[in-house]
PDB file of N, CA and C in Angstrom:
ATOM      1  N   MET A   1       8.975   0.406  24.194  1.00  0.00           N
ATOM      2  CA  MET A   1       8.695   1.017  22.872  1.00  0.00           C
ATOM      3  C   MET A   1       9.950   0.687  22.007  1.00  0.00           C
ATOM      4  N   ASP A   2       9.704   0.755  20.682  1.00  0.00           N
ATOM      5  CA  ASP A   2      10.751   0.378  19.802  1.00  0.00           C
ATOM      6  C   ASP A   2      11.622   1.577  19.373  1.00  0.00           C
ATOM      7  N   SER A   3      12.481   1.467  18.542  1.00  0.00           N
ATOM      8  CA  SER A   3      13.463   2.595  18.251  1.00  0.00           C
ATOM      9  C   SER A   3      12.771   3.701  17.620  1.00  0.00           C
ATOM     10  N   THR A   4      11.716   3.564  16.968  1.00  0.00           N
ATOM     11  CA  THR A   4      10.853   4.689  16.252  1.00  0.00           C
ATOM     12  C   THR A   4       9.891   5.147  17.375  1.00  0.00           C
ATOM     13  N   GLY A   5       9.731   4.626  18.500  1.00  0.00           N
ATOM     14  CA  GLY A   5       8.893   5.288  19.524  1.00  0.00           C
ATOM     15  C   GLY A   5       7.485   4.998  19.263  1.00  0.00           C
ATOM     16  N   LEU A   6       7.041   4.140  18.216  1.00  0.00           N
ATOM     17  CA  LEU A   6       5.594   4.038  17.983  1.00  0.00           C
ATOM     18  C   LEU A   6       5.055   2.664  18.486  1.00  0.00           C
ATOM     19  N   LEU A   7       5.830   1.647  18.623  1.00  0.00           N
ATOM     20  CA  LEU A   7       5.271   0.344  18.901  1.00  0.00           C
ATOM     21  C   LEU A   7       5.846  -0.112  20.183  1.00  0.00           C
ATOM     22  N   PRO A   8       4.888  -0.447  21.192  1.00  0.00           N
ATOM     23  CA  PRO A   8       5.257  -1.049  22.436  1.00  0.00           C
ATOM     24  C   PRO A   8       5.906  -2.461  22.225  1.00  0.00           C
ATOM     25  N   GLU A   9       6.813  -2.782  22.943  1.00  0.00           N
ATOM     26  CA  GLU A   9       7.577  -4.135  22.922  1.00  0.00           C
ATOM     27  C   GLU A   9       6.655  -5.229  23.008  1.00  0.00           C
ATOM     28  N   ARG A  10       5.555  -5.080  23.877  1.00  0.00           N
ATOM     29  CA  ARG A  10       4.607  -6.107  24.132  1.00  0.00           C
ATOM     30  C   ARG A  10       3.756  -6.608  22.892  1.00  0.00           C
ATOM     31  N   ALA A  11       3.739  -5.602  21.944  1.00  0.00           N
ATOM     32  CA  ALA A  11       2.940  -5.924  20.684  1.00  0.00           C
ATOM     33  C   ALA A  11       3.814  -6.601  19.672  1.00  0.00           C
ATOM     34  N   LEU A  12       5.208  -6.771  19.769  1.00  0.00           N
ATOM     35  CA  LEU A  12       6.022  -7.325  18.811  1.00  0.00           C
ATOM     36  C   LEU A  12       6.355  -8.744  19.108  1.00  0.00           C
ATOM     37  N   THR A  13       6.433  -9.537  18.041  1.00  0.00           N
ATOM     38  CA  THR A  13       6.819 -10.974  18.084  1.00  0.00           C
ATOM     39  C   THR A  13       7.797 -11.150  16.937  1.00  0.00           C
ATOM     40  N   TRP A  14       8.925 -11.502  17.315  1.00  0.00           N
ATOM     41  CA  TRP A  14       9.977 -11.719  16.297  1.00  0.00           C
ATOM     42  C   TRP A  14      10.311 -13.129  16.088  1.00  0.00           C
ATOM     43  N   ARG A  15      10.612 -13.557  14.733  1.00  0.00           N
ATOM     44  CA  ARG A  15      11.068 -14.873  14.316  1.00  0.00           C
ATOM     45  C   ARG A  15      12.294 -14.671  13.404  1.00  0.00           C
ATOM     46  N   PHE A  16      13.093 -15.691  13.530  1.00  0.00           N
ATOM     47  CA  PHE A  16      14.255 -15.657  12.692  1.00  0.00           C
ATOM     48  C   PHE A  16      14.466 -17.000  11.859  1.00  0.00           C
ATOM     49  N   SER A  17      14.936 -16.821  10.706  1.00  0.00           N
ATOM     50  CA  SER A  17      15.228 -17.998   9.902  1.00  0.00           C
ATOM     51  C   SER A  17      16.330 -17.682   9.069  1.00  0.00           C
ATOM     52  N   ARG A  18      16.744 -18.717   8.284  1.00  0.00           N
ATOM     53  CA  ARG A  18      17.828 -18.617   7.262  1.00  0.00           C
ATOM     54  C   ARG A  18      17.273 -17.944   6.123  1.00  0.00           C
ATOM     55  N   SER A  19      18.112 -16.887   5.721  1.00  0.00           N
ATOM     56  CA  SER A  19      17.722 -16.178   4.519  1.00  0.00           C
ATOM     57  C   SER A  19      18.194 -16.830   3.204  1.00  0.00           C
ATOM     58  N   SER A  20      17.458 -16.528   2.083  1.00  0.00           N
ATOM     59  CA  SER A  20      17.957 -16.996   0.748  1.00  0.00           C
ATOM     60  C   SER A  20      18.701 -15.785  -0.024  1.00  0.00           C
ATOM     61  N   GLY A  21      18.887 -14.770   0.772  1.00  0.00           N
ATOM     62  CA  GLY A  21      19.509 -13.642   0.065  1.00  0.00           C
ATOM     63  C   GLY A  21      21.028 -13.721   0.222  1.00  0.00           C
ATOM     64  N   PRO A  22      21.589 -12.498  -0.042  1.00  0.00           N
ATOM     65  CA  PRO A  22      23.072 -12.450  -0.158  1.00  0.00           C
ATOM     66  C   PRO A  22      23.703 -12.771   1.154  1.00  0.00           C
ATOM     67  N   GLY A  23      25.030 -13.293   1.109  1.00  0.00           N
ATOM     68  CA  GLY A  23      25.690 -13.521   2.325  1.00  0.00           C
ATOM     69  C   GLY A  23      26.747 -14.576   2.147  1.00  0.00           C
ATOM     70  N   GLY A  24      26.843 -15.148   0.909  1.00  0.00           N
ATOM     71  CA  GLY A  24      27.891 -16.172   0.774  1.00  0.00           C
ATOM     72  C   GLY A  24      27.609 -17.450   1.516  1.00  0.00           C
ATOM     73  N   GLN A  25      28.796 -17.944   2.104  1.00  0.00           N
ATOM     74  CA  GLN A  25      28.597 -19.191   2.849  1.00  0.00           C
ATOM     75  C   GLN A  25      27.775 -19.004   4.225  1.00  0.00           C
ATOM     76  N   GLY A  26      28.021 -17.781   4.675  1.00  0.00           N
ATOM     77  CA  GLY A  26      27.320 -17.453   5.937  1.00  0.00           C
ATOM     78  C   GLY A  26      25.664 -17.600   5.845  1.00  0.00           C
ATOM     79  N   VAL A  27      25.194 -17.416   4.686  1.00  0.00           N
ATOM     80  CA  VAL A  27      23.717 -17.531   4.424  1.00  0.00           C
ATOM     81  C   VAL A  27      23.132 -18.902   4.940  1.00  0.00           C
ATOM     82  N   ASN A  28      24.069 -19.977   4.879  1.00  0.00           N
ATOM     83  CA  ASN A  28      23.600 -21.347   5.167  1.00  0.00           C
ATOM     84  C   ASN A  28      23.667 -21.534   6.688  1.00  0.00           C
ATOM     85  N   THR A  29      24.273 -20.660   7.530  1.00  0.00           N
ATOM     86  CA  THR A  29      24.455 -20.906   8.931  1.00  0.00           C
ATOM     87  C   THR A  29      23.837 -19.783   9.810  1.00  0.00           C
ATOM     88  N   THR A  30      23.556 -18.670   9.343  1.00  0.00           N
ATOM     89  CA  THR A  30      23.143 -17.629  10.286  1.00  0.00           C
ATOM     90  C   THR A  30      21.648 -17.436   9.969  1.00  0.00           C
ATOM     91  N   ASP A  31      20.937 -17.103  11.095  1.00  0.00           N
ATOM     92  CA  ASP A  31      19.450 -16.843  10.975  1.00  0.00           C
ATOM     93  C   ASP A  31      19.290 -15.350  10.651  1.00  0.00           C
ATOM     94  N   SER A  32      19.479 -14.870   9.561  1.00  0.00           N
ATOM     95  CA  SER A  32      19.309 -13.403   9.328  1.00  0.00           C
ATOM     96  C   SER A  32      18.137 -13.026   8.681  1.00  0.00           C
ATOM     97  N   ARG A  33      17.175 -13.747   8.298  1.00  0.00           N
ATOM     98  CA  ARG A  33      15.864 -13.398   7.835  1.00  0.00           C
ATOM     99  C   ARG A  33      15.100 -13.155   9.029  1.00  0.00           C
ATOM    100  N   VAL A  34      14.315 -12.054   9.000  1.00  0.00           N
ATOM    101  CA  VAL A  34      13.446 -11.449  10.256  1.00  0.00           C
ATOM    102  C   VAL A  34      12.001 -11.475   9.789  1.00  0.00           C
ATOM    103  N   GLU A  35      11.232 -12.093  10.633  1.00  0.00           N
ATOM    104  CA  GLU A  35       9.736 -11.913  10.486  1.00  0.00           C
ATOM    105  C   GLU A  35       9.313 -11.205  11.662  1.00  0.00           C
ATOM    106  N   LEU A  36       8.410 -10.169  11.411  1.00  0.00           N
ATOM    107  CA  LEU A  36       8.029  -9.394  12.595  1.00  0.00           C
ATOM    108  C   LEU A  36       6.415  -9.462  12.625  1.00  0.00           C
ATOM    109  N   LEU A  37       5.850  -9.874  13.618  1.00  0.00           N
ATOM    110  CA  LEU A  37       4.495  -9.854  13.800  1.00  0.00           C
ATOM    111  C   LEU A  37       4.005  -8.784  14.801  1.00  0.00           C
ATOM    112  N   VAL A  38       3.198  -7.899  14.425  1.00  0.00           N
ATOM    113  CA  VAL A  38       2.792  -6.792  15.300  1.00  0.00           C
ATOM    114  C   VAL A  38       1.149  -7.061  15.640  1.00  0.00           C
ATOM    115  N   ASP A  39       1.088  -7.203  16.932  1.00  0.00           N
ATOM    116  CA  ASP A  39      -0.318  -7.402  17.475  1.00  0.00           C
ATOM    117  C   ASP A  39      -0.931  -5.905  17.413  1.00  0.00           C
ATOM    118  N   LEU A  40      -1.838  -5.580  16.493  1.00  0.00           N
ATOM    119  CA  LEU A  40      -2.331  -4.264  16.364  1.00  0.00           C
ATOM    120  C   LEU A  40      -3.368  -3.998  17.429  1.00  0.00           C
ATOM    121  N   THR A  41      -4.000  -5.115  18.084  1.00  0.00           N
ATOM    122  CA  THR A  41      -4.936  -4.876  19.166  1.00  0.00           C
ATOM    123  C   THR A  41      -4.322  -4.427  20.334  1.00  0.00           C
ATOM    124  N   ALA A  42      -3.063  -4.502  20.472  1.00  0.00           N
ATOM    125  CA  ALA A  42      -2.294  -3.985  21.678  1.00  0.00           C
ATOM    126  C   ALA A  42      -1.960  -2.492  21.590  1.00  0.00           C
ATOM    127  N   LEU A  43      -2.320  -1.933  20.418  1.00  0.00           N
ATOM    128  CA  LEU A  43      -1.899  -0.449  20.254  1.00  0.00           C
ATOM    129  C   LEU A  43      -3.166   0.450  20.692  1.00  0.00           C
ATOM    130  N   PRO A  44      -2.781   1.627  21.142  1.00  0.00           N
ATOM    131  CA  PRO A  44      -3.962   2.467  21.631  1.00  0.00           C
ATOM    132  C   PRO A  44      -5.076   2.736  20.666  1.00  0.00           C
ATOM    133  N   ASP A  45      -4.788   2.989  19.423  1.00  0.00           N
ATOM    134  CA  ASP A  45      -5.793   3.293  18.548  1.00  0.00           C
ATOM    135  C   ASP A  45      -6.162   2.155  17.530  1.00  0.00           C
ATOM    136  N   HIS A  46      -6.284   0.999  18.165  1.00  0.00           N
ATOM    137  CA  HIS A  46      -6.341  -0.213  17.223  1.00  0.00           C
ATOM    138  C   HIS A  46      -7.607  -0.498  16.462  1.00  0.00           C
ATOM    139  N   ASP A  47      -8.621   0.308  16.735  1.00  0.00           N
ATOM    140  CA  ASP A  47      -9.832   0.137  15.943  1.00  0.00           C
ATOM    141  C   ASP A  47      -9.653   0.427  14.419  1.00  0.00           C
ATOM    142  N   ARG A  48      -9.033   1.546  14.182  1.00  0.00           N
ATOM    143  CA  ARG A  48      -8.848   1.931  12.735  1.00  0.00           C
ATOM    144  C   ARG A  48      -7.691   1.090  12.107  1.00  0.00           C
ATOM    145  N   LEU A  49      -6.800   0.794  12.934  1.00  0.00           N
ATOM    146  CA  LEU A  49      -5.693  -0.074  12.288  1.00  0.00           C
ATOM    147  C   LEU A  49      -6.191  -1.596  11.979  1.00  0.00           C
ATOM    148  N   VAL A  50      -6.873  -2.162  12.957  1.00  0.00           N
ATOM    149  CA  VAL A  50      -7.448  -3.520  12.652  1.00  0.00           C
ATOM    150  C   VAL A  50      -8.418  -3.442  11.453  1.00  0.00           C
ATOM    151  N   GLU A  51      -9.173  -2.344  11.382  1.00  0.00           N
ATOM    152  CA  GLU A  51     -10.122  -2.308  10.249  1.00  0.00           C
ATOM    153  C   GLU A  51      -9.328  -2.237   8.881  1.00  0.00           C
ATOM    154  N   ARG A  52      -8.284  -1.559   8.867  1.00  0.00           N
ATOM    155  CA  ARG A  52      -7.430  -1.440   7.589  1.00  0.00           C
ATOM    156  C   ARG A  52      -6.393  -2.577   7.247  1.00  0.00           C
ATOM    157  N   LEU A  53      -5.844  -3.036   8.373  1.00  0.00           N
ATOM    158  CA  LEU A  53      -4.687  -3.891   8.370  1.00  0.00           C
ATOM    159  C   LEU A  53      -4.924  -5.254   8.726  1.00  0.00           C
ATOM    160  N   GLY A  54      -6.027  -5.674   9.543  1.00  0.00           N
ATOM    161  CA  GLY A  54      -6.299  -6.762  10.210  1.00  0.00           C
ATOM    162  C   GLY A  54      -5.724  -6.725  11.504  1.00  0.00           C
ATOM    163  N   PRO A  55      -6.082  -7.925  12.397  1.00  0.00           N
ATOM    164  CA  PRO A  55      -5.529  -7.823  13.703  1.00  0.00           C
ATOM    165  C   PRO A  55      -3.973  -8.062  13.962  1.00  0.00           C
ATOM    166  N   VAL A  56      -3.356  -8.590  12.973  1.00  0.00           N
ATOM    167  CA  VAL A  56      -1.912  -8.725  13.072  1.00  0.00           C
ATOM    168  C   VAL A  56      -1.273  -8.443  11.755  1.00  0.00           C
ATOM    169  N   LEU A  57      -0.279  -7.504  11.880  1.00  0.00           N
ATOM    170  CA  LEU A  57       0.584  -7.097  10.705  1.00  0.00           C
ATOM    171  C   LEU A  57       1.813  -7.938  10.649  1.00  0.00           C
ATOM    172  N   HIS A  58       2.036  -8.589   9.504  1.00  0.00           N
ATOM    173  CA  HIS A  58       3.150  -9.443   9.323  1.00  0.00           C
ATOM    174  C   HIS A  58       4.222  -8.816   8.304  1.00  0.00           C
ATOM    175  N   VAL A  59       5.438  -8.624   8.791  1.00  0.00           N
ATOM    176  CA  VAL A  59       6.412  -7.912   7.906  1.00  0.00           C
ATOM    177  C   VAL A  59       7.737  -8.917   7.925  1.00  0.00           C
ATOM    178  N   THR A  60       8.270  -9.070   6.646  1.00  0.00           N
ATOM    179  CA  THR A  60       9.510  -9.761   6.607  1.00  0.00           C
ATOM    180  C   THR A  60      10.597  -9.004   6.066  1.00  0.00           C
ATOM    181  N   ALA A  61      11.820  -9.240   6.441  1.00  0.00           N
ATOM    182  CA  ALA A  61      12.973  -8.596   5.826  1.00  0.00           C
ATOM    183  C   ALA A  61      14.103  -9.654   5.766  1.00  0.00           C
ATOM    184  N   SER A  62      14.716  -9.602   4.468  1.00  0.00           N
ATOM    185  CA  SER A  62      15.913 -10.443   4.322  1.00  0.00           C
ATOM    186  C   SER A  62      16.966  -9.914   3.332  1.00  0.00           C
ATOM    187  N   GLU A  63      16.789  -8.617   3.121  1.00  0.00           N
ATOM    188  CA  GLU A  63      17.621  -8.065   2.078  1.00  0.00           C
ATOM    189  C   GLU A  63      18.980  -7.682   2.533  1.00  0.00           C
ATOM    190  N   HIS A  64      19.222  -7.741   3.918  1.00  0.00           N
ATOM    191  CA  HIS A  64      20.605  -7.388   4.430  1.00  0.00           C
ATOM    192  C   HIS A  64      21.262  -8.639   4.862  1.00  0.00           C
ATOM    193  N   ARG A  65      22.622  -8.622   5.104  1.00  0.00           N
ATOM    194  CA  ARG A  65      23.297  -9.873   5.573  1.00  0.00           C
ATOM    195  C   ARG A  65      23.253  -9.967   7.032  1.00  0.00           C
ATOM    196  N   SER A  66      23.064  -8.949   7.755  1.00  0.00           N
ATOM    197  CA  SER A  66      23.040  -9.107   9.233  1.00  0.00           C
ATOM    198  C   SER A  66      21.599  -9.032   9.815  1.00  0.00           C
ATOM    199  N   GLN A  67      21.343  -9.792  10.763  1.00  0.00           N
ATOM    200  CA  GLN A  67      20.051  -9.871  11.383  1.00  0.00           C
ATOM    201  C   GLN A  67      19.620  -8.620  11.892  1.00  0.00           C
ATOM    202  N   LEU A  68      20.660  -7.853  12.517  1.00  0.00           N
ATOM    203  CA  LEU A  68      20.314  -6.604  13.027  1.00  0.00           C
ATOM    204  C   LEU A  68      19.716  -5.499  12.113  1.00  0.00           C
ATOM    205  N   ARG A  69      20.505  -5.391  10.970  1.00  0.00           N
ATOM    206  CA  ARG A  69      19.921  -4.529   9.841  1.00  0.00           C
ATOM    207  C   ARG A  69      18.448  -5.054   9.364  1.00  0.00           C
ATOM    208  N   ASN A  70      18.244  -6.390   9.255  1.00  0.00           N
ATOM    209  CA  ASN A  70      17.022  -6.904   8.863  1.00  0.00           C
ATOM    210  C   ASN A  70      15.857  -6.527   9.883  1.00  0.00           C
ATOM    211  N   ARG A  71      16.327  -6.569  11.258  1.00  0.00           N
ATOM    212  CA  ARG A  71      15.378  -6.178  12.328  1.00  0.00           C
ATOM    213  C   ARG A  71      14.998  -4.717  12.225  1.00  0.00           C
ATOM    214  N   GLU A  72      15.909  -3.807  11.896  1.00  0.00           N
ATOM    215  CA  GLU A  72      15.714  -2.442  11.611  1.00  0.00           C
ATOM    216  C   GLU A  72      14.821  -2.205  10.537  1.00  0.00           C
ATOM    217  N   ALA A  73      15.002  -2.941   9.312  1.00  0.00           N
ATOM    218  CA  ALA A  73      14.233  -2.704   8.139  1.00  0.00           C
ATOM    219  C   ALA A  73      12.815  -3.178   8.401  1.00  0.00           C
ATOM    220  N   ALA A  74      12.577  -4.364   9.143  1.00  0.00           N
ATOM    221  CA  ALA A  74      11.200  -4.842   9.292  1.00  0.00           C
ATOM    222  C   ALA A  74      10.543  -3.930  10.238  1.00  0.00           C
ATOM    223  N   LEU A  75      11.161  -3.228  11.140  1.00  0.00           N
ATOM    224  CA  LEU A  75      10.608  -2.449  12.142  1.00  0.00           C
ATOM    225  C   LEU A  75      10.265  -1.128  11.407  1.00  0.00           C
ATOM    226  N   ASP A  76      11.114  -0.599  10.512  1.00  0.00           N
ATOM    227  CA  ASP A  76      10.879   0.681   9.729  1.00  0.00           C
ATOM    228  C   ASP A  76       9.593   0.390   8.803  1.00  0.00           C
ATOM    229  N   ARG A  77       9.495  -0.737   8.181  1.00  0.00           N
ATOM    230  CA  ARG A  77       8.461  -1.158   7.366  1.00  0.00           C
ATOM    231  C   ARG A  77       7.050  -1.122   8.047  1.00  0.00           C
ATOM    232  N   ALA A  78       7.207  -1.870   9.271  1.00  0.00           N
ATOM    233  CA  ALA A  78       5.920  -1.906  10.002  1.00  0.00           C
ATOM    234  C   ALA A  78       5.451  -0.604  10.517  1.00  0.00           C
ATOM    235  N   ALA A  79       6.421   0.218  10.902  1.00  0.00           N
ATOM    236  CA  ALA A  79       6.110   1.614  11.376  1.00  0.00           C
ATOM    237  C   ALA A  79       5.438   2.437  10.160  1.00  0.00           C
ATOM    238  N   GLU A  80       6.048   2.244   8.991  1.00  0.00           N
ATOM    239  CA  GLU A  80       5.497   3.008   7.785  1.00  0.00           C
ATOM    240  C   GLU A  80       4.095   2.544   7.532  1.00  0.00           C
ATOM    241  N   ARG A  81       3.816   1.190   7.541  1.00  0.00           N
ATOM    242  CA  ARG A  81       2.478   0.746   7.200  1.00  0.00           C
ATOM    243  C   ARG A  81       1.517   1.263   8.191  1.00  0.00           C
ATOM    244  N   ILE A  82       1.854   1.187   9.549  1.00  0.00           N
ATOM    245  CA  ILE A  82       0.946   1.738  10.588  1.00  0.00           C
ATOM    246  C   ILE A  82       0.741   3.186  10.425  1.00  0.00           C
ATOM    247  N   ALA A  83       1.711   3.954  10.139  1.00  0.00           N
ATOM    248  CA  ALA A  83       1.607   5.319   9.895  1.00  0.00           C
ATOM    249  C   ALA A  83       0.636   5.659   8.703  1.00  0.00           C
ATOM    250  N   GLN A  84       0.824   4.830   7.739  1.00  0.00           N
ATOM    251  CA  GLN A  84      -0.131   5.012   6.521  1.00  0.00           C
ATOM    252  C   GLN A  84      -1.578   4.633   6.851  1.00  0.00           C
ATOM    253  N   ALA A  85      -1.682   3.580   7.613  1.00  0.00           N
ATOM    254  CA  ALA A  85      -3.153   3.248   8.039  1.00  0.00           C
ATOM    255  C   ALA A  85      -3.655   4.359   9.044  1.00  0.00           C
ATOM    256  N   ARG A  86      -2.975   4.947   9.698  1.00  0.00           N
ATOM    257  CA  ARG A  86      -3.424   5.951  10.610  1.00  0.00           C
ATOM    258  C   ARG A  86      -3.911   7.407   9.879  1.00  0.00           C
ATOM    259  N   ARG A  87      -3.352   7.572   8.708  1.00  0.00           N
ATOM    260  CA  ARG A  87      -3.672   8.685   7.930  1.00  0.00           C
ATOM    261  C   ARG A  87      -5.300   8.743   7.616  1.00  0.00           C
ATOM    262  N   PRO A  88      -5.718   9.933   7.573  1.00  0.00           N
ATOM    263  CA  PRO A  88      -7.094  10.095   7.314  1.00  0.00           C
ATOM    264  C   PRO A  88      -7.449   9.758   5.864  1.00  0.00           C
ATOM    265  N   ASP A  89      -8.683   9.344   5.510  1.00  0.00           N
ATOM    266  CA  ASP A  89      -8.942   9.155   4.160  1.00  0.00           C
ATOM    267  C   ASP A  89      -8.978  10.481   3.416  1.00  0.00           C
ATOM    268  N   PRO A  90      -8.579  10.337   2.119  1.00  0.00           N
ATOM    269  CA  PRO A  90      -8.593  11.687   1.283  1.00  0.00           C
ATOM    270  C   PRO A  90     -10.118  12.187   1.116  1.00  0.00           C
ATOM    271  N   PRO A  91     -10.313  13.535   0.996  1.00  0.00           N
ATOM    272  CA  PRO A  91     -11.660  13.917   0.933  1.00  0.00           C
ATOM    273  C   PRO A  91     -12.242  13.325  -0.405  1.00  0.00           C
ATOM    274  N   SER A  92     -13.501  13.029  -0.301  1.00  0.00           N
ATOM    275  CA  SER A  92     -14.133  12.525  -1.479  1.00  0.00           C
ATOM    276  C   SER A  92     -14.440  13.596  -2.494  1.00  0.00           C
ATOM    277  N   ARG A  93     -14.351  13.274  -3.746  1.00  0.00           N
ATOM    278  CA  ARG A  93     -14.486  14.211  -4.875  1.00  0.00           C
ATOM    279  C   ARG A  93     -16.089  14.663  -4.898  1.00  0.00           C
ATOM    280  N   GLN A  94     -16.267  16.008  -4.894  1.00  0.00           N
ATOM    281  CA  GLN A  94     -17.532  16.373  -5.011  1.00  0.00           C
ATOM    282  C   GLN A  94     -18.024  16.491  -6.503  1.00  0.00           C
ATOM    283  N   ALA A  95     -19.133  15.904  -6.851  1.00  0.00           N
ATOM    284  CA  ALA A  95     -19.561  15.936  -8.324  1.00  0.00           C
ATOM    285  C   ALA A  95     -20.039  17.311  -8.540  1.00  0.00           C
ATOM    286  N   ARG A  96     -19.661  17.748  -9.767  1.00  0.00           N
ATOM    287  CA  ARG A  96     -20.064  19.133 -10.180  1.00  0.00           C
ATOM    288  C   ARG A  96     -20.656  19.097 -11.565  1.00  0.00           C
ATOM    289  N   ARG A  97     -21.008  20.284 -11.968  1.00  0.00           N
ATOM    290  CA  ARG A  97     -21.669  20.301 -13.348  1.00  0.00           C
ATOM    291  C   ARG A  97     -20.609  20.287 -14.372  1.00  0.00           C
ATOM    292  N   PRO A  98     -20.817  19.647 -15.497  1.00  0.00           N
ATOM    293  CA  PRO A  98     -19.852  19.535 -16.581  1.00  0.00           C
ATOM    294  C   PRO A  98     -19.442  21.020 -16.995  1.00  0.00           C
ATOM    295  N   SER A  99     -18.176  21.307 -17.324  1.00  0.00           N
ATOM    296  CA  SER A  99     -17.818  22.640 -17.752  1.00  0.00           C
ATOM    297  C   SER A  99     -18.325  22.994 -19.083  1.00  0.00           C
ATOM    298  N   ARG A 100     -18.285  24.186 -19.483  1.00  0.00           N
ATOM    299  CA  ARG A 100     -18.773  24.637 -20.749  1.00  0.00           C
ATOM    300  C   ARG A 100     -18.000  24.073 -21.852  1.00  0.00           C
ATOM    301  N   GLY A 101     -16.702  23.953 -21.653  1.00  0.00           N
ATOM    302  CA  GLY A 101     -15.832  23.215 -22.683  1.00  0.00           C
ATOM    303  C   GLY A 101     -16.200  21.845 -22.810  1.00  0.00           C
ATOM    304  N   ALA A 102     -16.444  21.196 -21.723  1.00  0.00           N
ATOM    305  CA  ALA A 102     -16.814  19.653 -21.768  1.00  0.00           C
ATOM    306  C   ALA A 102     -18.070  19.454 -22.565  1.00  0.00           C
ATOM    307  N   LYS A 103     -19.057  20.504 -22.353  1.00  0.00           N
ATOM    308  CA  LYS A 103     -20.339  20.355 -23.088  1.00  0.00           C
ATOM    309  C   LYS A 103     -20.119  20.568 -24.567  1.00  0.00           C
ATOM    310  N   LEU A 104     -19.228  21.533 -24.891  1.00  0.00           N
ATOM    311  CA  LEU A 104     -18.977  21.840 -26.404  1.00  0.00           C
ATOM    312  C   LEU A 104     -18.324  20.707 -26.978  1.00  0.00           C
ATOM    313  N   ARG A 105     -17.319  20.151 -26.293  1.00  0.00           N
ATOM    314  CA  ARG A 105     -16.626  18.908 -26.877  1.00  0.00           C
ATOM    315  C   ARG A 105     -17.534  17.705 -27.115  1.00  0.00           C
ATOM    316  N   ARG A 106     -18.451  17.493 -26.217  1.00  0.00           N
ATOM    317  CA  ARG A 106     -19.320  16.443 -26.247  1.00  0.00           C
ATOM    318  C   ARG A 106     -20.315  16.656 -27.505  1.00  0.00           C
ATOM    319  N   LEU A 107     -20.793  17.987 -27.650  1.00  0.00           N
ATOM    320  CA  LEU A 107     -21.745  18.139 -28.789  1.00  0.00           C
ATOM    321  C   LEU A 107     -20.925  18.205 -30.144  1.00  0.00           C
ATOM    322  N   GLU A 108     -19.685  18.522 -30.043  1.00  0.00           N
ATOM    323  CA  GLU A 108     -18.912  18.489 -31.296  1.00  0.00           C
ATOM    324  C   GLU A 108     -18.609  17.131 -31.751  1.00  0.00           C
ATOM    325  N   ASP A 109     -18.318  16.228 -30.882  1.00  0.00           N
ATOM    326  CA  ASP A 109     -18.084  14.901 -31.116  1.00  0.00           C
ATOM    327  C   ASP A 109     -19.459  14.199 -31.623  1.00  0.00           C
ATOM    328  N   LYS A 110     -20.540  14.613 -31.008  1.00  0.00           N
ATOM    329  CA  LYS A 110     -21.682  13.937 -31.528  1.00  0.00           C
ATOM    330  C   LYS A 110     -22.057  14.442 -32.963  1.00  0.00           C
ATOM    331  N   ARG A 111     -21.694  15.736 -33.213  1.00  0.00           N
ATOM    332  CA  ARG A 111     -21.933  16.222 -34.537  1.00  0.00           C
ATOM    333  C   ARG A 111     -20.997  15.386 -35.554  1.00  0.00           C
ATOM    334  N   ARG A 112     -19.763  15.188 -35.277  1.00  0.00           N
ATOM    335  CA  ARG A 112     -18.778  14.472 -36.202  1.00  0.00           C
ATOM    336  C   ARG A 112     -19.301  13.046 -36.290  1.00  0.00           C
ATOM    337  N   ARG A 113     -19.762  12.390 -35.229  1.00  0.00           N
ATOM    338  CA  ARG A 113     -20.270  11.075 -35.421  1.00  0.00           C
ATOM    339  C   ARG A 113     -21.500  10.948 -36.238  1.00  0.00           C
ATOM    340  N   SER A 114     -22.355  11.939 -36.132  1.00  0.00           N
ATOM    341  CA  SER A 114     -23.591  12.032 -36.875  1.00  0.00           C
ATOM    342  C   SER A 114     -23.199  12.229 -38.448  1.00  0.00           C
ATOM    343  N   ASP A 115     -22.306  13.081 -38.699  1.00  0.00           N
ATOM    344  CA  ASP A 115     -21.834  13.308 -40.044  1.00  0.00           C
ATOM    345  C   ASP A 115     -21.305  12.097 -40.716  1.00  0.00           C
ATOM    346  N   ARG A 116     -20.437  11.374 -39.910  1.00  0.00           N
ATOM    347  CA  ARG A 116     -19.781  10.204 -40.462  1.00  0.00           C
ATOM    348  C   ARG A 116     -20.748   9.136 -40.740  1.00  0.00           C
ATOM    349  N   LYS A 117     -21.784   8.934 -39.877  1.00  0.00           N
ATOM    350  CA  LYS A 117     -22.770   8.080 -40.141  1.00  0.00           C
ATOM    351  C   LYS A 117     -23.738   8.348 -41.256  1.00  0.00           C
ATOM    352  N   ALA A 118     -23.934   9.630 -41.404  1.00  0.00           N
ATOM    353  CA  ALA A 118     -24.810  10.213 -42.537  1.00  0.00           C
ATOM    354  C   ALA A 118     -24.130   9.879 -43.934  1.00  0.00           C
ATOM    355  N   MET A 119     -22.755  10.032 -43.977  1.00  0.00           N
ATOM    356  CA  MET A 119     -22.085   9.791 -45.128  1.00  0.00           C
ATOM    357  C   MET A 119     -22.106   8.281 -45.641  1.00  0.00           C
ATOM    358  N   ARG A 120     -22.406   7.379 -44.622  1.00  0.00           N
ATOM    359  CA  ARG A 120     -22.485   5.828 -44.966  1.00  0.00           C
ATOM    360  C   ARG A 120     -23.764   5.623 -45.536  1.00  0.00           C
ATOM    361  N   ARG A 121     -24.808   6.471 -45.388  1.00  0.00           N
ATOM    362  CA  ARG A 121     -26.174   6.121 -45.870  1.00  0.00           C
ATOM    363  C   ARG A 121     -26.227   6.232 -47.463  1.00  0.00           C
ATOM    364  N   THR A 122     -27.077   5.456 -48.045  1.00  0.00           N
ATOM    365  CA  THR A 122     -27.266   5.600 -49.501  1.00  0.00           C
ATOM    366  C   THR A 122     -28.118   6.777 -49.709  1.00  0.00           C
ATOM    367  N   PRO A 123     -28.051   7.357 -50.865  1.00  0.00           N
ATOM    368  CA  PRO A 123     -28.936   8.574 -51.183  1.00  0.00           C
ATOM    369  C   PRO A 123     -30.360   8.381 -51.070  1.00  0.00           C
ATOM    370  N   SER A 124     -30.828   7.066 -51.290  1.00  0.00           N
ATOM    371  CA  SER A 124     -32.271   6.890 -51.422  1.00  0.00           C
ATOM    372  C   SER A 124     -32.941   7.009 -50.046  1.00  0.00           C
ATOM    373  N   GLU A 125     -32.177   6.797 -49.000  1.00  0.00           N
ATOM    374  CA  GLU A 125     -32.792   6.833 -47.689  1.00  0.00           C
ATOM    375  C   GLU A 125     -33.268   8.283 -47.313  1.00  0.00           C
TER     376      GLU A 125
END
């Protein structure tokens, strides 16, 4: 399991490369950029996750100077995306009848539009 306790180690694949972010001269020599691939099919409730995120979740982090902090950032992002995908859908809005105020506003607007168009007409019509 990872440090968050959500992801089994067998589902994680790490890749490291040189980062283009901050770090001065060290940015050219250290592999501080982190790519994390999470195999969602290896997780217990993978059906819902695969439906929402696809079979593999790809997360990158390169905002920190150290590889360790970028690893933690990538792991946190992956855990947040997975937690978000696990949340249930919000309840759908139930259609209701228009309120009395909405009906009155609609009729008032129709009356104003009718009056405006009536003023455009020539008296002979």
